[in-house]
């Protein structure tokens, strides 16, 4: 019994310092992975246009914009571009406990945790790959880098907190470059006269995405969608999965716009009927 208690203590200590006791806010350690090069996630060197974009963004500092479930987002000085770095806490597979002598039971617990982290990483990366390769226009994704490389040879400066700064080598990081969009509710508040056009744009995006064979496990359009100029795009792209190309039915569109409906009921009740009519019309095509 004492032996197992001792082993549990050894297991708890590294988990505590790597998973529980965390500093608040952004830090380099939170986005730095220990994964080596993986050919599955190597999409090749950037093309000419992407190379020019990367060289541009490395000439100016990016400022911390916010933190989501999967990423920290940093914004360019002109406010037009966002670079997102992945949070590694749910994807880590290297812990001190990996090198400790453990009982069979605790090894099983450790193995289950590590397998869960690998599965989460693979699923998340697959979703970002789908956005990059199948929905670049619908997501605003400009460049995706999911494994360590040697061909970028570019640094980037990040600013966060109270004047804190860090410079990273892009080759060493997993990141995404994306056009910055305005969240849909902010857009609707700022452009109340464009309600019908906004509804049409949102439904068109949902229709197009499904027609291209992409499903989404997170249908909260309030958090996931935004507007780039007057065009709706998906800004949160972490829950995509491959699906058979099909037209979304009425129920799919209704469920995907429930939060939009709730917002319209409070701010523009007359647009609720318009939303219903457009869903019915679009689902008949």
Foldseek 3Di string as FASTA:
>chain_A
DVVQVVQVVVVVVFCCVQANDDDPDDDPVQQFAPDAFDPVQDPDDDDPVLLVVQVVQQVFAWEFDDDDPFWTWTAGPVRWKIKTGGGCNLQHLDIPSVPDDHDPVVVVVSVVSNVRNPVLLVLQSVLVVCCVPQNCVQAQWDDWGAHADDPSQGKHWYAYDPRDIDIDGPNRGGMTMGTDFAQPVVVCVVCVVCLLLLLVQVLVSVQVCLQSFKDFPDLASRPFWGDDPSHIHGHDRRGIDGGPRDGDALVRLCVSCVVVLVSCVVPPVVCNVVSSVVSNVRRVD
